[in-house]
Amino acid sequence: MTDPVSDMLTRIRNAQAVLHKTVTIPFSKFKFNLAEILEKEKVVEKVSKQGKKTKKVIKIELKYENNKPLMSSIKRVSKQGQRIYIKKDELKPIRQGYGFIIISTSQGLMTNKEAHKKGLGGELICEIY
């Protein structure tokens, strides 16, 4: 697997397309932090880590409203071949405030709203709306 974050987002997208209740993803701290942000922003129901040592996985319980996923789009912005960075001055609301971007900053992963408040820029990880 060349890009674990793209794999994670694709697994979530595919699970939502067929209305699965949960999706499991191989564990890494970065992906777990990303999933926790999705939980904090209330686009997924619950995030937990399961298993021990090399068999750890992240279990994400997906959230639906009238049999439609709360996330209509989840896409990777910065890819391994082309990293996309944004300055603190360039942070703007996504989809008139209905969406958000997850940014990797010097202080960890955060949404564009948090990064704007803290005055930080960084690498754009993904866009969700």
C-alpha atoms as a PDB file:
ATOM      1  CA  MET A   1       0.000   0.000   0.000  1.00  0.00           C
ATOM      2  CA  THR A   2       1.525   3.303  -1.026  1.00  0.00           C
ATOM      3  CA  ASP A   3      -0.735   5.784   0.783  1.00  0.00           C
ATOM      4  CA  PRO A   4      -2.371   4.585   4.021  1.00  0.00           C
ATOM      5  CA  VAL A   5      -4.454   7.774   4.463  1.00  0.00           C
ATOM      6  CA  SER A   6      -5.982   7.459   0.981  1.00  0.00           C
ATOM      7  CA  ASP A   7      -6.707   3.807   1.764  1.00  0.00           C
ATOM      8  CA  MET A   8      -8.482   4.846   4.989  1.00  0.00           C
ATOM      9  CA  LEU A   9     -10.617   7.462   3.228  1.00  0.00           C
ATOM     10  CA  THR A  10     -11.482   5.003   0.442  1.00  0.00           C
ATOM     11  CA  ARG A  11     -12.541   2.353   2.970  1.00  0.00           C
ATOM     12  CA  ILE A  12     -14.839   4.885   4.665  1.00  0.00           C
ATOM     13  CA  ARG A  13     -16.262   6.035   1.307  1.00  0.00           C
ATOM     14  CA  ASN A  14     -16.883   2.437   0.160  1.00  0.00           C
ATOM     15  CA  ALA A  15     -18.506   1.425   3.460  1.00  0.00           C
ATOM     16  CA  GLN A  16     -20.841   4.415   3.291  1.00  0.00           C
ATOM     17  CA  ALA A  17     -21.776   3.631  -0.315  1.00  0.00           C
ATOM     18  CA  VAL A  18     -23.236   0.271   0.764  1.00  0.00           C
ATOM     19  CA  LEU A  19     -24.581   1.589   4.127  1.00  0.00           C
ATOM     20  CA  HIS A  20     -22.316  -0.475   6.405  1.00  0.00           C
ATOM     21  CA  LYS A  21     -22.589   0.333  10.114  1.00  0.00           C
ATOM     22  CA  THR A  22     -18.854  -0.038  10.833  1.00  0.00           C
ATOM     23  CA  VAL A  23     -15.541  -0.077   9.018  1.00  0.00           C
ATOM     24  CA  THR A  24     -12.179  -1.369  10.274  1.00  0.00           C
ATOM     25  CA  ILE A  25      -8.857   0.131   9.281  1.00  0.00           C
ATOM     26  CA  PRO A  26      -5.294  -0.963  10.121  1.00  0.00           C
ATOM     27  CA  PHE A  27      -4.018   1.069  13.078  1.00  0.00           C
ATOM     28  CA  SER A  28      -1.561   3.954  13.025  1.00  0.00           C
ATOM     29  CA  LYS A  29      -1.414   6.976  15.335  1.00  0.00           C
ATOM     30  CA  PHE A  30      -1.895   9.387  12.426  1.00  0.00           C
ATOM     31  CA  LYS A  31      -5.002   7.589  11.122  1.00  0.00           C
ATOM     32  CA  PHE A  32      -6.384   7.275  14.658  1.00  0.00           C
ATOM     33  CA  ASN A  33      -5.974  11.049  15.210  1.00  0.00           C
ATOM     34  CA  LEU A  34      -7.670  11.650  11.856  1.00  0.00           C
ATOM     35  CA  ALA A  35     -10.580   9.405  12.854  1.00  0.00           C
ATOM     36  CA  GLU A  36     -10.882  11.173  16.234  1.00  0.00           C
ATOM     37  CA  ILE A  37     -11.264  14.504  14.408  1.00  0.00           C
ATOM     38  CA  LEU A  38     -14.075  12.975  12.335  1.00  0.00           C
ATOM     39  CA  GLU A  39     -15.744  11.884  15.586  1.00  0.00           C
ATOM     40  CA  LYS A  40     -15.244  15.304  17.188  1.00  0.00           C
ATOM     41  CA  GLU A  41     -16.813  16.997  14.151  1.00  0.00           C
ATOM     42  CA  LYS A  42     -19.773  14.571  14.472  1.00  0.00           C
ATOM     43  CA  VAL A  43     -19.541  13.045  10.992  1.00  0.00           C
ATOM     44  CA  VAL A  44     -18.936   9.540  12.403  1.00  0.00           C
ATOM     45  CA  GLU A  45     -20.639   7.983  15.422  1.00  0.00           C
ATOM     46  CA  LYS A  46     -17.756   6.448  17.374  1.00  0.00           C
ATOM     47  CA  VAL A  47     -14.060   5.672  16.965  1.00  0.00           C
ATOM     48  CA  SER A  48     -12.197   3.018  18.936  1.00  0.00           C
ATOM     49  CA  LYS A  49      -8.991   1.027  18.687  1.00  0.00           C
ATOM     50  CA  GLN A  50      -9.076  -2.720  19.091  1.00  0.00           C
ATOM     51  CA  GLY A  51      -6.587  -5.556  19.165  1.00  0.00           C
ATOM     52  CA  LYS A  52      -3.048  -5.833  20.496  1.00  0.00           C
ATOM     53  CA  LYS A  53       0.439  -5.143  19.150  1.00  0.00           C
ATOM     54  CA  THR A  54       0.614  -5.865  15.413  1.00  0.00           C
ATOM     55  CA  LYS A  55      -3.069  -6.754  15.093  1.00  0.00           C
ATOM     56  CA  LYS A  56      -4.411  -3.339  16.155  1.00  0.00           C
ATOM     57  CA  VAL A  57      -7.249  -1.887  14.107  1.00  0.00           C
ATOM     58  CA  ILE A  58      -9.349   1.263  14.207  1.00  0.00           C
ATOM     59  CA  LYS A  59     -13.087   0.589  14.319  1.00  0.00           C
ATOM     60  CA  ILE A  60     -15.227   3.452  13.031  1.00  0.00           C
ATOM     61  CA  GLU A  61     -18.995   3.421  13.483  1.00  0.00           C
ATOM     62  CA  LEU A  62     -20.512   5.398  10.632  1.00  0.00           C
ATOM     63  CA  LYS A  63     -23.343   7.884  10.985  1.00  0.00           C
ATOM     64  CA  TYR A  64     -26.371   8.100   8.670  1.00  0.00           C
ATOM     65  CA  GLU A  65     -29.413  10.329   8.413  1.00  0.00           C
ATOM     66  CA  ASN A  66     -32.435   8.985   6.454  1.00  0.00           C
ATOM     67  CA  ASN A  67     -30.181   6.232   5.011  1.00  0.00           C
ATOM     68  CA  LYS A  68     -27.753   8.830   3.656  1.00  0.00           C
ATOM     69  CA  PRO A  69     -24.225   9.306   5.029  1.00  0.00           C
ATOM     70  CA  LEU A  70     -23.508  12.584   6.807  1.00  0.00           C
ATOM     71  CA  MET A  71     -20.357  12.989   4.692  1.00  0.00           C
ATOM     72  CA  SER A  72     -21.366  13.501   1.082  1.00  0.00           C
ATOM     73  CA  SER A  73     -17.734  13.867   0.022  1.00  0.00           C
ATOM     74  CA  ILE A  74     -14.443  12.903   1.623  1.00  0.00           C
ATOM     75  CA  LYS A  75     -11.361  13.320  -0.537  1.00  0.00           C
ATOM     76  CA  ARG A  76      -7.598  13.391  -0.164  1.00  0.00           C
ATOM     77  CA  VAL A  77      -6.045  16.753  -1.071  1.00  0.00           C
ATOM     78  CA  SER A  78      -2.316  16.366  -0.462  1.00  0.00           C
ATOM     79  CA  LYS A  79      -0.969  13.215  -2.093  1.00  0.00           C
ATOM     80  CA  GLN A  80       2.402  11.512  -1.800  1.00  0.00           C
ATOM     81  CA  GLY A  81       3.449  12.739  -5.229  1.00  0.00           C
ATOM     82  CA  GLN A  82       2.228  16.293  -4.704  1.00  0.00           C
ATOM     83  CA  ARG A  83       2.083  17.789  -1.232  1.00  0.00           C
ATOM     84  CA  ILE A  84      -0.262  20.752  -0.836  1.00  0.00           C
ATOM     85  CA  TYR A  85       0.455  23.314   1.876  1.00  0.00           C
ATOM     86  CA  ILE A  86      -1.611  26.288   3.006  1.00  0.00           C
ATOM     87  CA  LYS A  87      -0.602  29.417   4.893  1.00  0.00           C
ATOM     88  CA  LYS A  88      -2.592  30.720   7.848  1.00  0.00           C
ATOM     89  CA  ASP A  89      -3.772  33.709   5.761  1.00  0.00           C
ATOM     90  CA  GLU A  90      -5.258  31.413   3.101  1.00  0.00           C
ATOM     91  CA  LEU A  91      -7.568  29.467   5.461  1.00  0.00           C
ATOM     92  CA  LYS A  92     -11.182  30.023   4.437  1.00  0.00           C
ATOM     93  CA  PRO A  93     -14.492  28.304   5.280  1.00  0.00           C
ATOM     94  CA  ILE A  94     -15.295  25.277   3.094  1.00  0.00           C
ATOM     95  CA  ARG A  95     -18.746  25.083   1.450  1.00  0.00           C
ATOM     96  CA  GLN A  96     -19.953  28.181   3.301  1.00  0.00           C
ATOM     97  CA  GLY A  97     -19.043  26.576   6.647  1.00  0.00           C
ATOM     98  CA  TYR A  98     -20.747  23.210   6.011  1.00  0.00           C
ATOM     99  CA  GLY A  99     -17.467  21.418   5.331  1.00  0.00           C
ATOM    100  CA  PHE A 100     -14.011  21.363   6.823  1.00  0.00           C
ATOM    101  CA  ILE A 101     -10.415  20.566   5.970  1.00  0.00           C
ATOM    102  CA  ILE A 102      -8.096  18.502   8.148  1.00  0.00           C
ATOM    103  CA  ILE A 103      -4.643  20.078   8.312  1.00  0.00           C
ATOM    104  CA  SER A 104      -1.389  18.639   9.626  1.00  0.00           C
ATOM    105  CA  THR A 105       0.276  21.480  11.538  1.00  0.00           C
ATOM    106  CA  SER A 106       3.306  21.752  13.786  1.00  0.00           C
ATOM    107  CA  GLN A 107       0.914  21.233  16.716  1.00  0.00           C
ATOM    108  CA  GLY A 108      -0.717  18.108  15.282  1.00  0.00           C
ATOM    109  CA  LEU A 109      -3.804  17.397  13.215  1.00  0.00           C
ATOM    110  CA  MET A 110      -6.665  19.891  13.389  1.00  0.00           C
ATOM    111  CA  THR A 111      -9.526  21.308  11.356  1.00  0.00           C
ATOM    112  CA  ASN A 112      -9.229  24.520   9.359  1.00  0.00           C
ATOM    113  CA  LYS A 113     -11.336  26.312  12.007  1.00  0.00           C
ATOM    114  CA  GLU A 114      -8.950  25.374  14.830  1.00  0.00           C
ATOM    115  CA  ALA A 115      -5.892  26.214  12.721  1.00  0.00           C
ATOM    116  CA  HIS A 116      -7.384  29.619  11.870  1.00  0.00           C
ATOM    117  CA  LYS A 117      -7.981  30.363  15.575  1.00  0.00           C
ATOM    118  CA  LYS A 118      -4.417  29.334  16.471  1.00  0.00           C
ATOM    119  CA  GLY A 119      -2.924  31.156  13.489  1.00  0.00           C
ATOM    120  CA  LEU A 120      -1.316  28.041  11.974  1.00  0.00           C
ATOM    121  CA  GLY A 121      -0.878  26.749   8.466  1.00  0.00           C
ATOM    122  CA  GLY A 122       0.245  23.323   7.296  1.00  0.00           C
ATOM    123  CA  GLU A 123      -0.274  20.428   4.944  1.00  0.00           C
ATOM    124  CA  LEU A 124      -3.841  19.857   3.698  1.00  0.00           C
ATOM    125  CA  ILE A 125      -4.697  16.234   4.417  1.00  0.00           C
ATOM    126  CA  CYS A 126      -8.321  15.897   3.320  1.00  0.00           C
ATOM    127  CA  GLU A 127     -11.499  17.824   2.607  1.00  0.00           C
ATOM    128  CA  ILE A 128     -14.848  16.721   4.049  1.00  0.00           C
ATOM    129  CA  TYR A 129     -18.344  18.059   3.362  1.00  0.00           C
END
